[in-house]
N, C-alpha and C. Protein backbone atom coordinates (compact mmCIF):
# COMPACT_ATOMS: atom_id res chain seq x y z
N MET A 1 157.07 70.67 127.82
CA MET A 1 157.29 72.07 127.89
C MET A 1 155.93 72.76 128.16
N THR A 2 155.91 73.66 129.15
CA THR A 2 154.70 74.41 129.49
C THR A 2 154.80 75.82 128.96
N THR A 3 153.70 76.28 128.42
CA THR A 3 153.65 77.67 127.95
C THR A 3 152.76 78.44 128.89
N THR A 4 153.20 79.59 129.30
CA THR A 4 152.41 80.46 130.16
C THR A 4 151.63 81.44 129.29
N GLN A 5 150.38 81.51 129.57
CA GLN A 5 149.50 82.39 128.79
C GLN A 5 149.81 83.86 129.12
N PRO A 6 149.56 84.75 128.16
CA PRO A 6 149.74 86.18 128.46
C PRO A 6 148.75 86.63 129.50
N GLY A 7 149.16 87.57 130.40
CA GLY A 7 148.27 88.08 131.44
C GLY A 7 149.06 88.76 132.54
N TRP A 8 148.28 89.20 133.58
CA TRP A 8 148.89 89.87 134.72
C TRP A 8 149.27 88.81 135.74
N TYR A 9 150.50 88.88 136.22
CA TYR A 9 151.01 87.93 137.20
C TYR A 9 151.73 88.71 138.29
N PRO A 10 151.90 88.09 139.48
CA PRO A 10 152.70 88.77 140.51
C PRO A 10 154.08 89.08 139.97
N ASP A 11 154.52 90.30 140.25
CA ASP A 11 155.84 90.76 139.73
C ASP A 11 156.93 90.04 140.51
N PRO A 12 157.81 89.34 139.82
CA PRO A 12 158.89 88.59 140.52
C PRO A 12 159.86 89.54 141.21
N GLN A 13 159.90 90.83 140.80
CA GLN A 13 160.82 91.76 141.41
C GLN A 13 160.20 92.54 142.57
N ASN A 14 158.84 92.70 142.60
CA ASN A 14 158.17 93.47 143.64
C ASN A 14 156.82 92.82 143.90
N PRO A 15 156.64 92.16 145.08
CA PRO A 15 155.41 91.46 145.37
C PRO A 15 154.19 92.39 145.58
N ALA A 16 154.40 93.68 145.68
CA ALA A 16 153.31 94.63 145.87
C ALA A 16 152.67 95.03 144.55
N THR A 17 153.24 94.58 143.42
CA THR A 17 152.69 94.92 142.09
C THR A 17 152.49 93.68 141.24
N MET A 18 151.71 93.94 140.19
CA MET A 18 151.49 92.88 139.17
C MET A 18 152.23 93.36 137.92
N ARG A 19 152.71 92.38 137.14
CA ARG A 19 153.43 92.73 135.92
C ARG A 19 152.79 91.93 134.78
N TRP A 20 152.76 92.55 133.58
CA TRP A 20 152.19 91.90 132.41
C TRP A 20 153.23 90.99 131.78
N PHE A 21 152.79 89.72 131.58
CA PHE A 21 153.60 88.75 130.86
C PHE A 21 152.98 88.55 129.50
N ASP A 22 153.73 88.80 128.42
CA ASP A 22 153.16 88.77 127.06
C ASP A 22 153.13 87.38 126.43
N GLY A 23 153.46 86.37 127.19
CA GLY A 23 153.48 84.99 126.69
C GLY A 23 154.90 84.49 126.45
N THR A 24 155.84 85.42 126.28
CA THR A 24 157.23 85.04 126.08
C THR A 24 158.18 85.72 127.06
N GLN A 25 157.80 86.93 127.49
CA GLN A 25 158.67 87.65 128.39
C GLN A 25 157.89 88.66 129.26
N TRP A 26 158.49 89.13 130.35
CA TRP A 26 157.91 90.17 131.19
C TRP A 26 158.06 91.49 130.48
N THR A 27 156.96 92.32 130.64
CA THR A 27 157.04 93.66 129.99
C THR A 27 157.29 94.72 131.05
N GLU A 28 157.38 95.98 130.63
CA GLU A 28 157.59 97.07 131.57
C GLU A 28 156.26 97.53 132.24
N HIS A 29 155.12 96.97 131.84
CA HIS A 29 153.82 97.37 132.37
C HIS A 29 153.56 96.75 133.74
N VAL A 30 153.33 97.62 134.75
CA VAL A 30 153.03 97.14 136.11
C VAL A 30 151.76 97.81 136.60
N SER A 31 151.17 97.13 137.63
CA SER A 31 149.93 97.61 138.23
C SER A 31 149.93 97.22 139.68
N PRO A 32 149.23 98.02 140.55
CA PRO A 32 149.16 97.63 141.97
C PRO A 32 148.41 96.31 142.08
N VAL A 33 148.68 95.58 143.17
CA VAL A 33 148.02 94.31 143.43
C VAL A 33 146.56 94.61 143.81
N VAL A 34 145.59 93.88 143.22
CA VAL A 34 144.17 94.06 143.48
C VAL A 34 143.77 92.91 144.41
N THR A 35 143.11 93.31 145.55
CA THR A 35 142.62 92.32 146.49
C THR A 35 141.28 91.81 146.02
N MET A 36 141.10 90.51 146.03
CA MET A 36 139.85 89.91 145.59
C MET A 36 139.05 89.41 146.80
N ASP A 37 139.21 90.06 147.95
CA ASP A 37 138.47 89.65 149.14
C ASP A 37 137.01 90.02 148.97
N PRO A 38 136.07 89.03 148.99
CA PRO A 38 134.65 89.33 148.76
C PRO A 38 134.06 90.17 149.89
N ASN A 39 134.67 90.17 151.08
CA ASN A 39 134.16 90.96 152.21
C ASN A 39 134.73 92.37 152.22
N ALA A 40 135.71 92.65 151.38
CA ALA A 40 136.32 93.96 151.36
C ALA A 40 135.36 94.93 150.69
N PRO A 41 135.29 96.16 151.22
CA PRO A 41 134.39 97.15 150.59
C PRO A 41 134.85 97.45 149.18
N ARG A 42 133.85 97.54 148.31
CA ARG A 42 134.14 97.81 146.91
C ARG A 42 134.39 99.30 146.71
N GLY A 43 135.36 99.59 145.93
CA GLY A 43 135.70 100.98 145.63
C GLY A 43 134.76 101.53 144.59
N SER A 44 134.60 102.80 144.58
CA SER A 44 133.78 103.48 143.58
C SER A 44 134.66 104.01 142.49
N SER A 45 134.10 104.11 141.29
CA SER A 45 134.89 104.67 140.22
C SER A 45 134.94 106.20 140.32
N ARG A 46 134.08 106.76 141.24
CA ARG A 46 134.08 108.21 141.46
C ARG A 46 134.88 108.53 142.71
N SER A 47 135.53 109.65 142.70
CA SER A 47 136.24 110.11 143.89
C SER A 47 135.24 110.79 144.83
N ALA A 48 135.65 110.96 146.08
CA ALA A 48 134.79 111.59 147.05
C ALA A 48 134.47 113.04 146.64
N GLY A 49 135.42 113.68 146.00
CA GLY A 49 135.20 115.07 145.54
C GLY A 49 134.14 115.14 144.48
N LYS A 50 134.16 114.19 143.53
CA LYS A 50 133.16 114.17 142.46
C LYS A 50 131.76 113.88 143.06
N THR A 51 131.70 112.95 144.00
CA THR A 51 130.43 112.62 144.64
C THR A 51 129.88 113.84 145.36
N ALA A 52 130.74 114.55 146.14
CA ALA A 52 130.26 115.74 146.84
C ALA A 52 129.79 116.79 145.86
N LEU A 53 130.49 116.96 144.76
CA LEU A 53 130.09 117.94 143.73
C LEU A 53 128.74 117.58 143.15
N ILE A 54 128.50 116.32 142.90
CA ILE A 54 127.21 115.87 142.34
C ILE A 54 126.09 116.16 143.37
N VAL A 55 126.34 115.85 144.63
CA VAL A 55 125.32 116.07 145.69
C VAL A 55 125.03 117.57 145.79
N VAL A 56 126.04 118.40 145.78
CA VAL A 56 125.84 119.85 145.86
C VAL A 56 125.06 120.35 144.65
N ALA A 57 125.40 119.84 143.46
CA ALA A 57 124.68 120.25 142.24
C ALA A 57 123.20 119.87 142.32
N ILE A 58 122.90 118.67 142.80
CA ILE A 58 121.52 118.24 142.94
C ILE A 58 120.76 119.12 143.92
N VAL A 59 121.39 119.46 145.04
CA VAL A 59 120.75 120.32 146.04
C VAL A 59 120.50 121.71 145.43
N VAL A 60 121.48 122.25 144.73
CA VAL A 60 121.32 123.60 144.14
C VAL A 60 120.17 123.60 143.10
N VAL A 61 120.16 122.57 142.25
CA VAL A 61 119.09 122.50 141.22
C VAL A 61 117.71 122.34 141.89
N THR A 62 117.65 121.51 142.93
CA THR A 62 116.39 121.33 143.63
C THR A 62 115.92 122.64 144.25
N LEU A 63 116.84 123.37 144.91
CA LEU A 63 116.45 124.65 145.49
C LEU A 63 116.05 125.67 144.41
N LEU A 64 116.72 125.63 143.29
CA LEU A 64 116.37 126.53 142.20
C LEU A 64 114.98 126.24 141.67
N VAL A 65 114.66 124.98 141.47
CA VAL A 65 113.31 124.58 141.00
C VAL A 65 112.26 124.97 142.02
N LEU A 66 112.55 124.71 143.32
CA LEU A 66 111.59 125.11 144.35
C LEU A 66 111.41 126.62 144.40
N GLY A 67 112.48 127.35 144.22
CA GLY A 67 112.38 128.82 144.17
C GLY A 67 111.53 129.30 143.04
N ILE A 68 111.71 128.72 141.88
CA ILE A 68 110.91 129.10 140.71
C ILE A 68 109.43 128.79 140.96
N LEU A 69 109.17 127.60 141.50
CA LEU A 69 107.76 127.22 141.78
C LEU A 69 107.15 128.18 142.83
N ALA A 70 107.92 128.53 143.82
CA ALA A 70 107.42 129.46 144.86
C ALA A 70 107.18 130.84 144.24
N ALA A 71 108.06 131.28 143.35
CA ALA A 71 107.92 132.58 142.70
C ALA A 71 106.65 132.63 141.85
N ILE A 72 106.25 131.52 141.32
CA ILE A 72 105.02 131.46 140.52
C ILE A 72 103.81 131.30 141.41
N ALA A 73 103.89 130.40 142.38
CA ALA A 73 102.72 130.09 143.20
C ALA A 73 102.39 131.13 144.24
N LEU A 74 103.36 131.78 144.82
CA LEU A 74 103.09 132.73 145.90
C LEU A 74 102.25 133.91 145.44
N PRO A 75 102.61 134.59 144.32
CA PRO A 75 101.73 135.68 143.91
C PRO A 75 100.32 135.25 143.56
N VAL A 76 100.19 134.07 142.99
CA VAL A 76 98.84 133.57 142.66
C VAL A 76 98.04 133.34 143.95
N TRP A 77 98.70 132.73 144.93
CA TRP A 77 98.05 132.45 146.20
C TRP A 77 97.66 133.77 146.89
N LEU A 78 98.61 134.71 146.93
CA LEU A 78 98.32 136.01 147.59
C LEU A 78 97.17 136.73 146.88
N SER A 79 97.18 136.72 145.57
CA SER A 79 96.12 137.38 144.82
C SER A 79 94.77 136.75 145.13
N GLN A 80 94.74 135.44 145.13
CA GLN A 80 93.48 134.75 145.43
C GLN A 80 93.04 135.03 146.87
N SER A 81 94.00 135.06 147.78
CA SER A 81 93.70 135.33 149.19
C SER A 81 93.16 136.75 149.34
N GLN A 82 93.76 137.70 148.64
CA GLN A 82 93.28 139.10 148.72
C GLN A 82 91.91 139.27 148.10
N LYS A 83 91.66 138.55 147.00
CA LYS A 83 90.33 138.61 146.38
C LYS A 83 89.29 138.07 147.34
N GLU A 84 89.59 136.96 147.98
CA GLU A 84 88.65 136.34 148.90
C GLU A 84 88.43 137.26 150.11
N GLU A 85 89.51 137.84 150.61
CA GLU A 85 89.37 138.77 151.75
C GLU A 85 88.55 139.96 151.35
N PHE A 86 88.74 140.48 150.16
CA PHE A 86 88.00 141.64 149.68
C PHE A 86 86.51 141.29 149.58
N ALA A 87 86.22 140.15 148.94
CA ALA A 87 84.82 139.75 148.75
C ALA A 87 84.16 139.44 150.09
N SER A 88 84.88 138.79 151.02
CA SER A 88 84.26 138.43 152.29
C SER A 88 84.04 139.66 153.17
N SER A 89 84.79 140.74 152.93
CA SER A 89 84.60 141.95 153.75
C SER A 89 83.25 142.61 153.48
N VAL A 90 82.62 142.35 152.33
CA VAL A 90 81.34 142.97 152.04
C VAL A 90 80.23 141.93 151.83
N ARG A 91 80.57 140.67 151.77
CA ARG A 91 79.58 139.64 151.48
C ARG A 91 78.48 139.57 152.52
N THR A 92 78.79 139.83 153.77
CA THR A 92 77.83 139.67 154.84
C THR A 92 77.21 140.97 155.29
N VAL A 93 77.50 142.05 154.65
CA VAL A 93 76.94 143.35 155.02
C VAL A 93 75.42 143.35 154.77
N THR A 94 74.70 143.90 155.71
CA THR A 94 73.24 144.00 155.58
C THR A 94 72.83 145.47 155.46
N CYS A 95 71.59 145.68 155.00
CA CYS A 95 71.07 147.04 154.94
C CYS A 95 70.99 147.65 156.33
N GLU A 96 70.69 146.87 157.32
CA GLU A 96 70.61 147.39 158.69
C GLU A 96 71.97 147.93 159.14
N GLN A 97 73.05 147.26 158.75
CA GLN A 97 74.41 147.74 159.07
C GLN A 97 74.70 149.04 158.32
N VAL A 98 74.28 149.10 157.09
CA VAL A 98 74.47 150.32 156.29
C VAL A 98 73.74 151.49 156.97
N VAL A 99 72.50 151.26 157.37
CA VAL A 99 71.70 152.30 158.04
C VAL A 99 72.41 152.71 159.33
N ASP A 100 72.83 151.78 160.16
CA ASP A 100 73.47 152.10 161.44
C ASP A 100 74.70 152.98 161.20
N GLU A 101 75.50 152.64 160.22
CA GLU A 101 76.69 153.42 159.96
C GLU A 101 76.34 154.80 159.41
N ALA A 102 75.31 154.86 158.56
CA ALA A 102 74.89 156.15 158.00
C ALA A 102 74.40 157.08 159.11
N VAL A 103 73.67 156.56 160.08
CA VAL A 103 73.20 157.35 161.21
C VAL A 103 74.40 157.86 162.02
N GLU A 104 75.32 156.96 162.29
CA GLU A 104 76.53 157.35 163.06
C GLU A 104 77.33 158.40 162.31
N LEU A 105 77.53 158.21 161.02
CA LEU A 105 78.34 159.19 160.23
C LEU A 105 77.63 160.53 160.15
N SER A 106 76.29 160.54 160.12
CA SER A 106 75.59 161.84 159.99
C SER A 106 75.76 162.69 161.24
N HIS A 107 76.14 162.10 162.35
CA HIS A 107 76.34 162.86 163.58
C HIS A 107 77.81 163.34 163.75
N ARG A 108 78.71 162.88 162.87
CA ARG A 108 80.10 163.31 162.94
C ARG A 108 80.37 164.40 161.90
N ASP A 109 81.06 165.43 162.32
CA ASP A 109 81.49 166.51 161.40
C ASP A 109 80.36 166.97 160.48
N LEU A 110 79.21 167.15 161.05
CA LEU A 110 78.06 167.60 160.26
C LEU A 110 78.21 169.09 159.91
N PRO A 111 78.17 169.45 158.64
CA PRO A 111 78.31 170.84 158.23
C PRO A 111 77.16 171.69 158.80
N ALA A 112 77.45 172.93 159.01
CA ALA A 112 76.42 173.85 159.53
C ALA A 112 75.22 173.88 158.58
N GLY A 113 74.05 173.91 159.14
CA GLY A 113 72.82 173.96 158.33
C GLY A 113 72.26 172.59 157.99
N TYR A 114 72.97 171.53 158.26
CA TYR A 114 72.49 170.19 157.98
C TYR A 114 71.92 169.56 159.25
N VAL A 115 70.91 168.72 159.08
CA VAL A 115 70.28 168.02 160.20
C VAL A 115 70.71 166.56 160.14
N ALA A 116 71.11 166.03 161.30
CA ALA A 116 71.60 164.64 161.38
C ALA A 116 70.43 163.64 161.20
N LEU A 117 70.79 162.48 160.66
CA LEU A 117 69.84 161.39 160.46
C LEU A 117 69.65 160.69 161.79
N ALA A 118 68.41 160.55 162.21
CA ALA A 118 68.13 159.90 163.51
C ALA A 118 68.02 158.39 163.37
N ASP A 119 67.23 157.93 162.41
CA ASP A 119 67.09 156.50 162.17
C ASP A 119 66.40 156.23 160.82
N VAL A 120 66.43 154.97 160.42
CA VAL A 120 65.75 154.57 159.17
C VAL A 120 65.02 153.27 159.49
N THR A 121 63.76 153.23 159.11
CA THR A 121 62.95 152.03 159.35
C THR A 121 62.46 151.45 158.00
N ASP A 122 61.89 150.28 158.08
CA ASP A 122 61.36 149.60 156.88
C ASP A 122 62.38 149.52 155.75
N VAL A 123 63.59 149.11 156.10
CA VAL A 123 64.68 149.10 155.15
C VAL A 123 64.60 147.87 154.28
N PHE A 124 64.88 148.04 152.99
CA PHE A 124 64.94 146.90 152.04
C PHE A 124 66.03 147.14 151.02
N VAL A 125 66.43 146.05 150.38
CA VAL A 125 67.49 146.10 149.37
C VAL A 125 66.92 146.53 148.03
N VAL A 126 67.55 147.55 147.42
CA VAL A 126 67.15 148.04 146.11
C VAL A 126 68.05 147.39 145.05
N ALA A 127 69.34 147.36 145.31
CA ALA A 127 70.33 146.74 144.38
C ALA A 127 71.41 146.05 145.18
N ASP A 128 71.76 144.84 144.77
CA ASP A 128 72.77 144.06 145.44
C ASP A 128 73.78 143.55 144.44
N GLU A 129 75.00 144.08 144.48
CA GLU A 129 76.05 143.72 143.51
C GLU A 129 77.09 142.80 144.14
N ARG A 130 76.81 142.28 145.33
CA ARG A 130 77.82 141.49 146.04
C ARG A 130 78.20 140.17 145.32
N ALA A 131 77.27 139.57 144.64
CA ALA A 131 77.54 138.28 144.01
C ALA A 131 78.61 138.43 142.87
N ASP A 132 78.58 139.52 142.17
CA ASP A 132 79.51 139.74 141.04
C ASP A 132 80.59 140.74 141.37
N LEU A 133 80.84 141.00 142.63
CA LEU A 133 81.77 142.04 143.03
C LEU A 133 83.19 141.71 142.64
N GLN A 134 83.83 142.68 142.00
CA GLN A 134 85.23 142.58 141.64
C GLN A 134 85.97 143.75 142.28
N ARG A 135 87.21 143.54 142.64
CA ARG A 135 88.03 144.61 143.22
C ARG A 135 88.20 145.70 142.15
N PRO A 136 87.84 146.93 142.49
CA PRO A 136 87.97 148.02 141.50
C PRO A 136 89.43 148.44 141.33
N PRO A 137 89.75 149.12 140.26
CA PRO A 137 91.11 149.67 140.11
C PRO A 137 91.41 150.67 141.22
N SER A 138 92.63 150.87 141.50
CA SER A 138 93.06 151.79 142.56
C SER A 138 92.49 153.18 142.32
N GLY A 139 91.95 153.75 143.38
CA GLY A 139 91.37 155.09 143.29
C GLY A 139 89.92 155.14 142.86
N GLU A 140 89.31 154.00 142.57
CA GLU A 140 87.93 153.98 142.15
C GLU A 140 87.07 153.26 143.20
N LEU A 141 85.78 153.55 143.15
CA LEU A 141 84.83 152.92 144.01
C LEU A 141 83.92 152.03 143.15
N VAL A 142 83.43 150.96 143.78
CA VAL A 142 82.47 150.10 143.12
C VAL A 142 81.25 149.97 144.04
N LEU A 143 80.07 150.06 143.47
CA LEU A 143 78.83 149.93 144.20
C LEU A 143 78.62 148.52 144.68
N VAL A 144 78.27 148.36 145.95
CA VAL A 144 78.09 147.04 146.53
C VAL A 144 76.62 146.77 146.80
N LEU A 145 75.98 147.75 147.51
CA LEU A 145 74.64 147.50 148.00
C LEU A 145 73.91 148.83 148.09
N THR A 146 72.66 148.85 147.61
CA THR A 146 71.84 150.04 147.74
C THR A 146 70.59 149.64 148.54
N CYS A 147 70.32 150.46 149.58
CA CYS A 147 69.20 150.17 150.48
C CYS A 147 68.27 151.37 150.55
N GLU A 148 67.04 151.10 150.77
CA GLU A 148 66.04 152.19 150.83
C GLU A 148 65.17 151.96 152.05
N GLY A 149 64.69 153.07 152.63
CA GLY A 149 63.80 152.97 153.80
C GLY A 149 63.22 154.31 154.12
N THR A 150 62.48 154.34 155.24
CA THR A 150 61.85 155.57 155.71
C THR A 150 62.78 156.20 156.72
N ALA A 151 63.24 157.42 156.43
CA ALA A 151 64.21 158.10 157.28
C ALA A 151 63.51 159.08 158.21
N ARG A 152 64.07 159.25 159.39
CA ARG A 152 63.63 160.31 160.30
C ARG A 152 64.88 161.05 160.74
N TRP A 153 64.84 162.40 160.61
CA TRP A 153 65.96 163.22 160.96
C TRP A 153 65.77 163.81 162.35
N ASP A 154 66.84 164.35 162.92
CA ASP A 154 66.79 164.86 164.29
C ASP A 154 65.79 166.01 164.47
N ASP A 155 65.43 166.69 163.39
CA ASP A 155 64.46 167.77 163.51
C ASP A 155 63.02 167.29 163.43
N GLY A 156 62.82 165.94 163.34
CA GLY A 156 61.51 165.35 163.26
C GLY A 156 60.95 165.11 161.88
N THR A 157 61.59 165.60 160.85
CA THR A 157 61.08 165.35 159.50
C THR A 157 61.33 163.92 159.09
N THR A 158 60.50 163.43 158.19
CA THR A 158 60.63 162.05 157.69
C THR A 158 60.55 162.06 156.19
N GLY A 159 61.03 161.00 155.59
CA GLY A 159 60.97 160.86 154.14
C GLY A 159 61.71 159.60 153.69
N THR A 160 61.62 159.33 152.44
CA THR A 160 62.32 158.17 151.86
C THR A 160 63.80 158.52 151.70
N ILE A 161 64.63 157.55 152.00
CA ILE A 161 66.08 157.72 151.82
C ILE A 161 66.65 156.48 151.12
N ARG A 162 67.59 156.74 150.25
CA ARG A 162 68.27 155.64 149.55
C ARG A 162 69.75 155.79 149.88
N LEU A 163 70.36 154.72 150.48
CA LEU A 163 71.77 154.75 150.87
C LEU A 163 72.53 153.76 149.99
N ALA A 164 73.67 154.20 149.48
CA ALA A 164 74.48 153.36 148.61
C ALA A 164 75.84 153.07 149.30
N LEU A 165 76.12 151.79 149.45
CA LEU A 165 77.42 151.35 150.03
C LEU A 165 78.35 151.05 148.88
N SER A 166 79.54 151.66 148.91
CA SER A 166 80.56 151.41 147.87
C SER A 166 81.87 151.08 148.56
N VAL A 167 82.77 150.36 147.84
CA VAL A 167 84.08 150.05 148.42
C VAL A 167 85.15 150.42 147.38
N ASP A 168 86.35 150.66 147.90
CA ASP A 168 87.50 150.92 147.03
C ASP A 168 88.38 149.69 146.96
N SER A 169 89.49 149.78 146.25
CA SER A 169 90.35 148.60 146.03
C SER A 169 90.96 148.08 147.31
N ALA A 170 91.08 148.94 148.33
CA ALA A 170 91.64 148.49 149.61
C ALA A 170 90.58 147.90 150.53
N GLY A 171 89.32 147.89 150.10
CA GLY A 171 88.23 147.35 150.93
C GLY A 171 87.62 148.42 151.86
N ARG A 172 88.07 149.65 151.75
CA ARG A 172 87.46 150.72 152.56
C ARG A 172 86.10 151.05 151.94
N HIS A 173 85.12 151.28 152.78
CA HIS A 173 83.79 151.53 152.26
C HIS A 173 83.35 152.95 152.54
N SER A 174 82.37 153.35 151.77
CA SER A 174 81.73 154.67 151.97
C SER A 174 80.25 154.48 151.77
N ILE A 175 79.51 155.34 152.48
CA ILE A 175 78.04 155.30 152.37
C ILE A 175 77.60 156.69 151.90
N ALA A 176 76.81 156.69 150.84
CA ALA A 176 76.36 157.97 150.28
C ALA A 176 74.85 157.99 150.24
N ASP A 177 74.30 159.17 150.39
CA ASP A 177 72.84 159.35 150.23
C ASP A 177 72.58 159.41 148.72
N ALA A 178 71.92 158.38 148.20
CA ALA A 178 71.66 158.29 146.77
C ALA A 178 70.22 158.69 146.47
N THR A 179 69.54 159.30 147.41
CA THR A 179 68.14 159.65 147.21
C THR A 179 67.94 160.60 146.03
N GLN A 180 68.84 161.58 145.87
CA GLN A 180 68.70 162.53 144.79
C GLN A 180 68.85 161.91 143.42
N THR A 181 69.47 160.79 143.33
CA THR A 181 69.73 160.17 142.03
C THR A 181 68.54 159.31 141.57
N THR A 182 67.54 159.15 142.40
CA THR A 182 66.40 158.33 142.02
C THR A 182 65.47 159.15 141.14
N THR A 183 64.72 158.46 140.30
CA THR A 183 63.77 159.15 139.42
C THR A 183 62.36 158.85 139.80
């Protein structure tokens, strides 16, 4: 007498399914036939929908992380870029350039009774704040460079002149006659 072990066997009533044999009789439990072809593609325990959902979630999280990093890095980069642009706009200015602009400005919109500046010679630096220059708050000026030399005006008079170059937060500069402020 042979005894059949409990297990899944081809269903004697339907060859497309397997049926559980409990060791003494066939049960009502059935399952589709599983192919054991080693060359057959293996199925995934995940459905295509779940896989697509996981891929979409990974992409969304990646984009979110990149967005957060960009939101942090971009303002820092822009601020640094603006600071460098601000500093470089005045880093190379010379007293000769300050004098040239002062002469040019003195000939524009000169109020009645004032004599225009003709030129300045023997120019030298009195104060140079370019190394420690910081962007000033909006609406304020910061001193950049003070130059002094011998001035000659259009009426032929001469004398010492002190010119102060200042910049505002936008990098716009102004030149002022600082001679009166000297002691």
